[in-house]
Amino acid sequence: MIEPIKKIVFPVAGLGTRFLPATKAIPKEMLPVLDKPLIQYAVEEALEAGIDQIMLVTGRNKQVMEDHFDHAFELEKILDEKGKSEALAISKSMLLPEGSIQYVRQMQPKGLGHAIWCARHFVNGSPFAVALPDDLILGKPGTLKQMVEAYEKVGGNMVATMDVAREKTSSYGVITPGKRSGKLIEIKGLVEKPAPETAPSTEAVVGRYILQSEVMEHLSAKQIGAGGEIQLTDAMAKLIGSQPFHALNFDGERFDCGSKVGWLMANISMAAQDPSTKSRIKELTQNW
């Protein structure tokens, strides 16, 4: 029996230093791509996949994300009084059922693995998903839905991967691939940020995961890995061999919105598809 994925953890405690000074007071997850913040795209992707229990692992100065998923009573009152029903509906669009979204604070910046470990009581023995909001992946269906559908067939653990240039492997977790079946790849090993000459493949892990709760046991050891941080990749690698572990080479276009160029390209791509902006984008790009 494969237990369904109903829980997801969003690690959103990072400082976003690559976007300073913009992120001095605004979390990078609240940076807009066209007309929605990054965190909203990620939550909508989870809801599309049938995941309805949400945990945000936050840090200092992240209160605005909690406000984003709550009522804005003054704003709603003004919009209602002015008869701006469309704007009012947009303001309320991310009001989730009460109790479906929770928050926990990562009190020290010890890495992605530590952030996931902070959600251990929320996970409470269930399989769960993880999504990094600054990895914006545009596709239909969304990447998490693709992964959940594949997971329902094979169970175990799963990561989303894409093929990268070998010289870029040192920026990613990289898999040692086994048997392939369509978009699914059996994982024989995982290594965090390998040098190009030692990377076992060019299949790189991006910010979407489905994990069994046993990963928390390995994270509890708080082993220090690459970059002097507690790496999720190291804990996941310990599950290989004891549980099924696959990569899904997803369909979709990924933007690294943790970088200025990736965030800019995401905005241009979204604007080029939006009816209200695409004609203007076409004019601008013709002049570049």
C-alpha atoms as a PDB file:
ATOM      1  CA  MET A   1       0.000   0.000   0.000  1.00  0.00           C
ATOM      2  CA  ILE A   2       1.453   3.352  -1.101  1.00  0.00           C
ATOM      3  CA  GLU A   3       0.497   6.095   1.351  1.00  0.00           C
ATOM      4  CA  PRO A   4      -0.720   9.237  -0.460  1.00  0.00           C
ATOM      5  CA  ILE A   5       1.182  12.521  -0.349  1.00  0.00           C
ATOM      6  CA  LYS A   6      -0.885  15.071   1.571  1.00  0.00           C
ATOM      7  CA  LYS A   7       1.856  17.077   3.328  1.00  0.00           C
ATOM      8  CA  ILE A   8       4.433  19.476   1.956  1.00  0.00           C
ATOM      9  CA  VAL A   9       7.282  21.439   3.521  1.00  0.00           C
ATOM     10  CA  PHE A  10       8.448  24.759   2.103  1.00  0.00           C
ATOM     11  CA  PRO A  11      11.878  25.790   3.459  1.00  0.00           C
ATOM     12  CA  VAL A  12      11.672  29.598   3.282  1.00  0.00           C
ATOM     13  CA  ALA A  13      14.085  30.795   5.964  1.00  0.00           C
ATOM     14  CA  GLY A  14      16.920  31.825   3.616  1.00  0.00           C
ATOM     15  CA  LEU A  15      18.306  35.358   3.683  1.00  0.00           C
ATOM     16  CA  GLY A  16      18.166  35.981  -0.083  1.00  0.00           C
ATOM     17  CA  THR A  17      21.494  37.812  -0.042  1.00  0.00           C
ATOM     18  CA  ARG A  18      21.826  37.735  -3.844  1.00  0.00           C
ATOM     19  CA  PHE A  19      18.888  40.164  -4.036  1.00  0.00           C
ATOM     20  CA  LEU A  20      20.068  42.705  -1.486  1.00  0.00           C
ATOM     21  CA  PRO A  21      19.050  45.430  -0.862  1.00  0.00           C
ATOM     22  CA  ALA A  22      15.593  44.357  -2.098  1.00  0.00           C
ATOM     23  CA  THR A  23      15.505  41.465   0.374  1.00  0.00           C
ATOM     24  CA  LYS A  24      16.656  43.441   3.407  1.00  0.00           C
ATOM     25  CA  ALA A  25      13.028  43.765   4.543  1.00  0.00           C
ATOM     26  CA  ILE A  26      11.166  41.600   1.997  1.00  0.00           C
ATOM     27  CA  PRO A  27      11.662  37.800   1.857  1.00  0.00           C
ATOM     28  CA  LYS A  28      12.953  36.591  -1.492  1.00  0.00           C
ATOM     29  CA  GLU A  29       9.940  34.244  -1.615  1.00  0.00           C
ATOM     30  CA  MET A  30       7.726  37.342  -1.808  1.00  0.00           C
ATOM     31  CA  LEU A  31       9.483  38.712  -4.886  1.00  0.00           C
ATOM     32  CA  PRO A  32       6.853  38.913  -7.637  1.00  0.00           C
ATOM     33  CA  VAL A  33       6.991  37.095 -10.930  1.00  0.00           C
ATOM     34  CA  LEU A  34       4.578  39.131 -13.015  1.00  0.00           C
ATOM     35  CA  ASP A  35       1.728  39.597 -10.506  1.00  0.00           C
ATOM     36  CA  LYS A  36       2.229  36.845  -7.906  1.00  0.00           C
ATOM     37  CA  PRO A  37       4.979  36.198  -5.351  1.00  0.00           C
ATOM     38  CA  LEU A  38       7.146  33.108  -5.727  1.00  0.00           C
ATOM     39  CA  ILE A  39       5.653  31.423  -2.661  1.00  0.00           C
ATOM     40  CA  GLN A  40       2.163  31.634  -4.159  1.00  0.00           C
ATOM     41  CA  TYR A  41       3.237  29.819  -7.328  1.00  0.00           C
ATOM     42  CA  ALA A  42       4.715  27.062  -5.171  1.00  0.00           C
ATOM     43  CA  VAL A  43       1.619  26.684  -2.985  1.00  0.00           C
ATOM     44  CA  GLU A  44      -0.666  26.615  -6.026  1.00  0.00           C
ATOM     45  CA  GLU A  45       1.515  23.881  -7.533  1.00  0.00           C
ATOM     46  CA  ALA A  46       1.095  21.820  -4.358  1.00  0.00           C
ATOM     47  CA  LEU A  47      -2.676  22.304  -4.290  1.00  0.00           C
ATOM     48  CA  GLU A  48      -2.890  21.210  -7.934  1.00  0.00           C
ATOM     49  CA  ALA A  49      -1.141  17.978  -6.917  1.00  0.00           C
ATOM     50  CA  GLY A  50      -3.766  17.275  -4.248  1.00  0.00           C
ATOM     51  CA  ILE A  51      -1.481  18.265  -1.351  1.00  0.00           C
ATOM     52  CA  ASP A  52      -3.497  20.147   1.254  1.00  0.00           C
ATOM     53  CA  GLN A  53      -1.386  20.225   4.446  1.00  0.00           C
ATOM     54  CA  ILE A  54       1.259  22.927   4.208  1.00  0.00           C
ATOM     55  CA  MET A  55       4.215  23.815   6.425  1.00  0.00           C
ATOM     56  CA  LEU A  56       6.398  26.877   5.909  1.00  0.00           C
ATOM     57  CA  VAL A  57       9.760  26.719   7.683  1.00  0.00           C
ATOM     58  CA  THR A  58      10.439  30.407   8.198  1.00  0.00           C
ATOM     59  CA  GLY A  59      13.062  32.637   9.774  1.00  0.00           C
ATOM     60  CA  ARG A  60      13.353  36.170  11.069  1.00  0.00           C
ATOM     61  CA  ASN A  61      11.598  38.925   9.081  1.00  0.00           C
ATOM     62  CA  LYS A  62       9.356  36.413   7.274  1.00  0.00           C
ATOM     63  CA  GLN A  63       6.061  37.480   8.885  1.00  0.00           C
ATOM     64  CA  VAL A  64       4.858  38.962   5.601  1.00  0.00           C
ATOM     65  CA  MET A  65       4.412  35.454   4.164  1.00  0.00           C
ATOM     66  CA  GLU A  66       2.012  34.577   6.955  1.00  0.00           C
ATOM     67  CA  ASP A  67       0.134  37.790   6.218  1.00  0.00           C
ATOM     68  CA  HIS A  68      -0.048  36.902   2.527  1.00  0.00           C
ATOM     69  CA  PHE A  69      -2.065  33.760   3.300  1.00  0.00           C
ATOM     70  CA  ASP A  70      -4.370  35.563   5.734  1.00  0.00           C
ATOM     71  CA  HIS A  71      -7.208  38.088   5.525  1.00  0.00           C
ATOM     72  CA  ALA A  72      -6.250  41.713   4.869  1.00  0.00           C
ATOM     73  CA  PHE A  73      -9.327  43.153   6.543  1.00  0.00           C
ATOM     74  CA  GLU A  74      -8.688  46.838   5.855  1.00  0.00           C
ATOM     75  CA  LEU A  75      -7.849  46.207   2.201  1.00  0.00           C
ATOM     76  CA  GLU A  76     -10.869  43.930   1.738  1.00  0.00           C
ATOM     77  CA  LYS A  77     -13.183  46.494   3.335  1.00  0.00           C
ATOM     78  CA  ILE A  78     -11.941  49.294   1.073  1.00  0.00           C
ATOM     79  CA  LEU A  79     -12.188  47.155  -2.068  1.00  0.00           C
ATOM     80  CA  ASP A  80     -15.713  46.085  -1.109  1.00  0.00           C
ATOM     81  CA  GLU A  81     -16.813  49.662  -0.453  1.00  0.00           C
ATOM     82  CA  LYS A  82     -15.429  50.794  -3.808  1.00  0.00           C
ATOM     83  CA  GLY A  83     -17.129  47.918  -5.642  1.00  0.00           C
ATOM     84  CA  LYS A  84     -13.826  46.487  -6.872  1.00  0.00           C
ATOM     85  CA  SER A  85     -15.060  42.906  -6.850  1.00  0.00           C
ATOM     86  CA  GLU A  86     -12.335  41.528  -9.141  1.00  0.00           C
ATOM     87  CA  ALA A  87      -9.544  42.963  -6.988  1.00  0.00           C
ATOM     88  CA  LEU A  88     -11.331  41.711  -3.864  1.00  0.00           C
ATOM     89  CA  ALA A  89     -11.491  38.186  -5.290  1.00  0.00           C
ATOM     90  CA  ILE A  90      -7.765  38.321  -6.097  1.00  0.00           C
ATOM     91  CA  SER A  91      -6.986  39.499  -2.566  1.00  0.00           C
ATOM     92  CA  LYS A  92      -8.872  36.521  -1.140  1.00  0.00           C
ATOM     93  CA  SER A  93      -7.573  34.000  -3.684  1.00  0.00           C
ATOM     94  CA  MET A  94      -4.963  32.488  -1.378  1.00  0.00           C
ATOM     95  CA  LEU A  95      -7.125  32.097   1.722  1.00  0.00           C
ATOM     96  CA  LEU A  96      -6.680  28.403   2.510  1.00  0.00           C
ATOM     97  CA  PRO A  97      -9.002  26.375   4.777  1.00  0.00           C
ATOM     98  CA  GLU A  98      -8.326  27.108   8.435  1.00  0.00           C
ATOM     99  CA  GLY A  99      -5.630  24.880   9.886  1.00  0.00           C
ATOM    100  CA  SER A 100      -4.281  23.751   6.502  1.00  0.00           C
ATOM    101  CA  ILE A 101      -1.192  25.972   6.655  1.00  0.00           C
ATOM    102  CA  GLN A 102       1.271  26.005   9.544  1.00  0.00           C
ATOM    103  CA  TYR A 103       4.543  27.743  10.354  1.00  0.00           C
ATOM    104  CA  VAL A 104       7.675  26.777  12.268  1.00  0.00           C
ATOM    105  CA  ARG A 105      10.854  28.804  12.675  1.00  0.00           C
ATOM    106  CA  GLN A 106      14.340  27.638  11.738  1.00  0.00           C
ATOM    107  CA  MET A 107      16.211  29.499  14.447  1.00  0.00           C
ATOM    108  CA  GLN A 108      19.691  29.028  12.980  1.00  0.00           C
ATOM    109  CA  PRO A 109      20.745  28.949   9.294  1.00  0.00           C
ATOM    110  CA  LYS A 110      22.219  25.454   9.219  1.00  0.00           C
ATOM    111  CA  GLY A 111      21.224  24.393   5.725  1.00  0.00           C
ATOM    112  CA  LEU A 112      18.381  22.800   3.801  1.00  0.00           C
ATOM    113  CA  GLY A 113      18.569  19.516   5.697  1.00  0.00           C
ATOM    114  CA  HIS A 114      18.229  21.340   8.995  1.00  0.00           C
ATOM    115  CA  ALA A 115      15.230  23.304   7.690  1.00  0.00           C
ATOM    116  CA  ILE A 116      13.467  20.061   6.743  1.00  0.00           C
ATOM    117  CA  TRP A 117      14.315  18.550  10.129  1.00  0.00           C
ATOM    118  CA  CYS A 118      12.583  21.512  11.809  1.00  0.00           C
ATOM    119  CA  ALA A 119       9.315  20.214  10.292  1.00  0.00           C
ATOM    120  CA  ARG A 120       9.681  16.723  11.820  1.00  0.00           C
ATOM    121  CA  HIS A 121       6.650  17.049  14.128  1.00  0.00           C
ATOM    122  CA  PHE A 122       4.495  18.197  11.204  1.00  0.00           C
ATOM    123  CA  VAL A 123       5.634  15.207   9.109  1.00  0.00           C
ATOM    124  CA  ASN A 124       4.925  12.851  12.049  1.00  0.00           C
ATOM    125  CA  GLY A 125       5.689   9.591  10.251  1.00  0.00           C
ATOM    126  CA  SER A 126       3.968  10.412   6.948  1.00  0.00           C
ATOM    127  CA  PRO A 127       5.523  10.621   3.488  1.00  0.00           C
ATOM    128  CA  PHE A 128       5.786  14.243   2.405  1.00  0.00           C
ATOM    129  CA  ALA A 129       6.812  16.559  -0.399  1.00  0.00           C
ATOM    130  CA  VAL A 130       9.348  19.383  -0.332  1.00  0.00           C
ATOM    131  CA  ALA A 131       9.409  22.340  -2.722  1.00  0.00           C
ATOM    132  CA  LEU A 132      11.880  25.203  -2.959  1.00  0.00           C
ATOM    133  CA  PRO A 133       9.870  28.269  -4.025  1.00  0.00           C
ATOM    134  CA  ASP A 134      12.801  30.005  -5.727  1.00  0.00           C
ATOM    135  CA  ASP A 135      12.899  27.093  -8.184  1.00  0.00           C
ATOM    136  CA  LEU A 136       9.973  28.244 -10.328  1.00  0.00           C
ATOM    137  CA  ILE A 137       8.997  25.502 -12.780  1.00  0.00           C
ATOM    138  CA  LEU A 138       6.410  26.316 -15.425  1.00  0.00           C
ATOM    139  CA  GLY A 139       4.600  23.322 -16.881  1.00  0.00           C
ATOM    140  CA  LYS A 140       1.180  21.744 -17.317  1.00  0.00           C
ATOM    141  CA  PRO A 141       0.576  19.793 -15.227  1.00  0.00           C
ATOM    142  CA  GLY A 142       2.864  21.197 -12.551  1.00  0.00           C
ATOM    143  CA  THR A 143       5.984  19.291 -11.532  1.00  0.00           C
ATOM    144  CA  LEU A 144       4.560  18.181  -8.171  1.00  0.00           C
ATOM    145  CA  LYS A 145       1.496  16.711  -9.877  1.00  0.00           C
ATOM    146  CA  GLN A 146       3.764  14.860 -12.309  1.00  0.00           C
ATOM    147  CA  MET A 147       5.768  13.520  -9.372  1.00  0.00           C
ATOM    148  CA  VAL A 148       2.736  12.495  -7.309  1.00  0.00           C
ATOM    149  CA  GLU A 149       1.313  10.577 -10.281  1.00  0.00           C
ATOM    150  CA  ALA A 150       4.644   8.766 -10.767  1.00  0.00           C
ATOM    151  CA  TYR A 151       4.983   8.129  -7.007  1.00  0.00           C
ATOM    152  CA  GLU A 152       1.570   6.482  -6.910  1.00  0.00           C
ATOM    153  CA  LYS A 153       2.983   3.823  -9.246  1.00  0.00           C
ATOM    154  CA  VAL A 154       6.421   3.206  -7.691  1.00  0.00           C
ATOM    155  CA  GLY A 155       6.261   4.546  -4.109  1.00  0.00           C
ATOM    156  CA  GLY A 156       9.391   5.287  -2.089  1.00  0.00           C
ATOM    157  CA  ASN A 157      11.366   8.479  -2.563  1.00  0.00           C
ATOM    158  CA  MET A 158      11.595  10.728  -5.593  1.00  0.00           C
ATOM    159  CA  VAL A 159      13.417  13.839  -6.765  1.00  0.00           C
ATOM    160  CA  ALA A 160      12.895  16.028  -9.814  1.00  0.00           C
ATOM    161  CA  THR A 161      15.889  16.204 -12.119  1.00  0.00           C
ATOM    162  CA  MET A 162      17.034  17.908 -15.279  1.00  0.00           C
ATOM    163  CA  ASP A 163      20.062  17.455 -17.480  1.00  0.00           C
ATOM    164  CA  VAL A 164      22.693  20.192 -17.015  1.00  0.00           C
ATOM    165  CA  ALA A 165      26.005  21.011 -18.639  1.00  0.00           C
ATOM    166  CA  ARG A 166      28.812  19.054 -16.965  1.00  0.00           C
ATOM    167  CA  GLU A 167      30.631  22.225 -15.969  1.00  0.00           C
ATOM    168  CA  LYS A 168      27.588  23.170 -13.838  1.00  0.00           C
ATOM    169  CA  THR A 169      27.354  19.999 -11.744  1.00  0.00           C
ATOM    170  CA  SER A 170      29.136  21.702  -8.838  1.00  0.00           C
ATOM    171  CA  SER A 171      26.003  23.806  -8.310  1.00  0.00           C
ATOM    172  CA  TYR A 172      23.616  20.858  -7.814  1.00  0.00           C
ATOM    173  CA  GLY A 173      22.994  17.553  -6.171  1.00  0.00           C
ATOM    174  CA  VAL A 174      23.703  14.931  -8.850  1.00  0.00           C
ATOM    175  CA  ILE A 175      22.419  11.362  -9.148  1.00  0.00           C
ATOM    176  CA  THR A 176      24.110   8.116 -10.105  1.00  0.00           C
ATOM    177  CA  PRO A 177      21.518   6.763 -12.540  1.00  0.00           C
ATOM    178  CA  GLY A 178      20.312   3.176 -12.822  1.00  0.00           C
ATOM    179  CA  LYS A 179      17.540   1.732 -14.971  1.00  0.00           C
ATOM    180  CA  ARG A 180      15.415   4.131 -16.982  1.00  0.00           C
ATOM    181  CA  SER A 181      11.707   3.762 -17.703  1.00  0.00           C
ATOM    182  CA  GLY A 182      10.427   6.697 -19.702  1.00  0.00           C
ATOM    183  CA  LYS A 183      10.866   9.802 -17.554  1.00  0.00           C
ATOM    184  CA  LEU A 184      11.661   7.750 -14.428  1.00  0.00           C
ATOM    185  CA  ILE A 185      15.268   6.973 -13.523  1.00  0.00           C
ATOM    186  CA  GLU A 186      16.318   4.579 -10.767  1.00  0.00           C
ATOM    187  CA  ILE A 187      18.762   6.277  -8.390  1.00  0.00           C
ATOM    188  CA  LYS A 188      21.851   4.308  -7.355  1.00  0.00           C
ATOM    189  CA  GLY A 189      23.603   7.173  -5.591  1.00  0.00           C
ATOM    190  CA  LEU A 190      23.446  10.888  -4.749  1.00  0.00           C
ATOM    191  CA  VAL A 191      26.246  13.389  -4.254  1.00  0.00           C
ATOM    192  CA  GLU A 192      26.035  17.082  -3.356  1.00  0.00           C
ATOM    193  CA  LYS A 193      27.789  19.585  -5.652  1.00  0.00           C
ATOM    194  CA  PRO A 194      30.402  17.293  -7.218  1.00  0.00           C
ATOM    195  CA  ALA A 195      33.240  18.693  -9.272  1.00  0.00           C
ATOM    196  CA  PRO A 196      32.592  18.251 -13.026  1.00  0.00           C
ATOM    197  CA  GLU A 197      35.397  15.717 -13.382  1.00  0.00           C
ATOM    198  CA  THR A 198      33.979  13.487 -10.622  1.00  0.00           C
ATOM    199  CA  ALA A 199      30.212  13.940 -11.172  1.00  0.00           C
ATOM    200  CA  PRO A 200      28.495  10.548 -11.677  1.00  0.00           C
ATOM    201  CA  SER A 201      26.158  12.019 -14.317  1.00  0.00           C
ATOM    202  CA  THR A 202      24.699  15.304 -15.486  1.00  0.00           C
ATOM    203  CA  GLU A 203      21.234  14.545 -14.049  1.00  0.00           C
ATOM    204  CA  ALA A 204      20.873  17.337 -11.489  1.00  0.00           C
ATOM    205  CA  VAL A 205      18.343  17.537  -8.686  1.00  0.00           C
ATOM    206  CA  VAL A 206      16.119  20.629  -8.662  1.00  0.00           C
ATOM    207  CA  GLY A 207      13.843  21.865  -5.905  1.00  0.00           C
ATOM    208  CA  ARG A 208      11.083  19.239  -5.799  1.00  0.00           C
ATOM    209  CA  TYR A 209      11.157  16.092  -3.633  1.00  0.00           C
ATOM    210  CA  ILE A 210       8.899  13.320  -2.344  1.00  0.00           C
ATOM    211  CA  LEU A 211      10.364  11.683   0.754  1.00  0.00           C
ATOM    212  CA  GLN A 212       9.527   8.982   3.234  1.00  0.00           C
ATOM    213  CA  SER A 213       9.558  10.015   6.880  1.00  0.00           C
ATOM    214  CA  GLU A 214      12.656   7.883   7.608  1.00  0.00           C
ATOM    215  CA  VAL A 215      14.759  10.703   6.161  1.00  0.00           C
ATOM    216  CA  MET A 216      14.119  12.562   9.435  1.00  0.00           C
ATOM    217  CA  GLU A 217      16.053   9.894  11.358  1.00  0.00           C
ATOM    218  CA  HIS A 218      19.138  10.603   9.260  1.00  0.00           C
ATOM    219  CA  LEU A 219      18.666  14.366   9.481  1.00  0.00           C
ATOM    220  CA  SER A 220      18.497  14.038  13.273  1.00  0.00           C
ATOM    221  CA  ALA A 221      22.181  13.073  13.263  1.00  0.00           C
ATOM    222  CA  LYS A 222      22.881  16.647  12.059  1.00  0.00           C
ATOM    223  CA  GLN A 223      25.830  15.521   9.968  1.00  0.00           C
ATOM    224  CA  ILE A 224      27.725  18.464   8.480  1.00  0.00           C
ATOM    225  CA  GLY A 225      28.197  18.221   4.726  1.00  0.00           C
ATOM    226  CA  ALA A 226      29.119  20.431   1.774  1.00  0.00           C
ATOM    227  CA  GLY A 227      29.378  24.125   2.581  1.00  0.00           C
ATOM    228  CA  GLY A 228      29.512  23.407   6.309  1.00  0.00           C
ATOM    229  CA  GLU A 229      25.749  22.820   6.374  1.00  0.00           C
ATOM    230  CA  ILE A 230      23.384  19.936   7.094  1.00  0.00           C
ATOM    231  CA  GLN A 231      22.629  18.714   3.585  1.00  0.00           C
ATOM    232  CA  LEU A 232      19.334  17.083   2.623  1.00  0.00           C
ATOM    233  CA  THR A 233      21.177  15.235  -0.150  1.00  0.00           C
ATOM    234  CA  ASP A 234      23.372  13.397   2.388  1.00  0.00           C
ATOM    235  CA  ALA A 235      20.322  12.184   4.344  1.00  0.00           C
ATOM    236  CA  MET A 236      18.525  11.108   1.172  1.00  0.00           C
ATOM    237  CA  ALA A 237      21.566   9.149   0.017  1.00  0.00           C
ATOM    238  CA  LYS A 238      21.309   6.997   3.152  1.00  0.00           C
ATOM    239  CA  LEU A 239      17.836   5.825   2.060  1.00  0.00           C
ATOM    240  CA  ILE A 240      19.121   4.378  -1.205  1.00  0.00           C
ATOM    241  CA  GLY A 241      19.067   0.589  -1.103  1.00  0.00           C
ATOM    242  CA  SER A 242      16.603   0.358   1.767  1.00  0.00           C
ATOM    243  CA  GLN A 243      13.701   2.043  -0.037  1.00  0.00           C
ATOM    244  CA  PRO A 244      12.768   2.624  -3.688  1.00  0.00           C
ATOM    245  CA  PHE A 245      14.366   5.828  -4.953  1.00  0.00           C
ATOM    246  CA  HIS A 246      13.694   7.410  -8.342  1.00  0.00           C
ATOM    247  CA  ALA A 247      14.299  10.606 -10.241  1.00  0.00           C
ATOM    248  CA  LEU A 248      11.648  12.098 -12.495  1.00  0.00           C
ATOM    249  CA  ASN A 249      12.972  14.024 -15.464  1.00  0.00           C
ATOM    250  CA  PHE A 250      10.023  16.432 -15.389  1.00  0.00           C
ATOM    251  CA  ASP A 251       8.305  18.233 -18.242  1.00  0.00           C
ATOM    252  CA  GLY A 252       8.517  21.986 -17.767  1.00  0.00           C
ATOM    253  CA  GLU A 253      10.770  25.030 -17.865  1.00  0.00           C
ATOM    254  CA  ARG A 254      12.731  25.763 -14.711  1.00  0.00           C
ATOM    255  CA  PHE A 255      13.873  29.225 -13.628  1.00  0.00           C
ATOM    256  CA  ASP A 256      16.360  29.735 -10.805  1.00  0.00           C
ATOM    257  CA  CYS A 257      14.652  32.716  -9.194  1.00  0.00           C
ATOM    258  CA  GLY A 258      17.284  32.732  -6.464  1.00  0.00           C
ATOM    259  CA  SER A 259      19.461  34.495  -9.052  1.00  0.00           C
ATOM    260  CA  LYS A 260      18.808  37.879 -10.640  1.00  0.00           C
ATOM    261  CA  VAL A 261      19.054  36.543 -14.180  1.00  0.00           C
ATOM    262  CA  GLY A 262      16.745  33.596 -13.480  1.00  0.00           C
ATOM    263  CA  TRP A 263      14.163  35.839 -11.802  1.00  0.00           C
ATOM    264  CA  LEU A 264      14.314  38.322 -14.694  1.00  0.00           C
ATOM    265  CA  MET A 265      13.918  35.554 -17.294  1.00  0.00           C
ATOM    266  CA  ALA A 266      10.931  34.149 -15.395  1.00  0.00           C
ATOM    267  CA  ASN A 267       9.254  37.550 -15.476  1.00  0.00           C
ATOM    268  CA  ILE A 268       9.905  37.960 -19.192  1.00  0.00           C
ATOM    269  CA  SER A 269       8.627  34.449 -19.942  1.00  0.00           C
ATOM    270  CA  MET A 270       5.450  34.941 -17.912  1.00  0.00           C
ATOM    271  CA  ALA A 271       4.852  38.404 -19.359  1.00  0.00           C
ATOM    272  CA  ALA A 272       5.271  37.025 -22.890  1.00  0.00           C
ATOM    273  CA  GLN A 273       2.383  34.611 -22.210  1.00  0.00           C
ATOM    274  CA  ASP A 274       0.033  36.936 -20.326  1.00  0.00           C
ATOM    275  CA  PRO A 275      -2.643  38.583 -22.528  1.00  0.00           C
ATOM    276  CA  SER A 276      -2.260  41.939 -20.755  1.00  0.00           C
ATOM    277  CA  THR A 277       1.498  42.206 -21.335  1.00  0.00           C
ATOM    278  CA  LYS A 278       2.568  39.956 -24.202  1.00  0.00           C
ATOM    279  CA  SER A 279       2.178  42.570 -26.971  1.00  0.00           C
ATOM    280  CA  ARG A 280       4.353  45.042 -25.068  1.00  0.00           C
ATOM    281  CA  ILE A 281       6.984  42.386 -24.379  1.00  0.00           C
ATOM    282  CA  LYS A 282       7.047  41.549 -28.080  1.00  0.00           C
ATOM    283  CA  GLU A 283       7.660  45.203 -28.918  1.00  0.00           C
ATOM    284  CA  LEU A 284      10.448  45.504 -26.365  1.00  0.00           C
ATOM    285  CA  THR A 285      12.266  42.319 -27.368  1.00  0.00           C
ATOM    286  CA  GLN A 286      12.201  43.295 -31.043  1.00  0.00           C
ATOM    287  CA  ASN A 287      14.206  46.400 -30.128  1.00  0.00           C
ATOM    288  CA  TRP A 288      16.822  44.584 -28.029  1.00  0.00           C
END
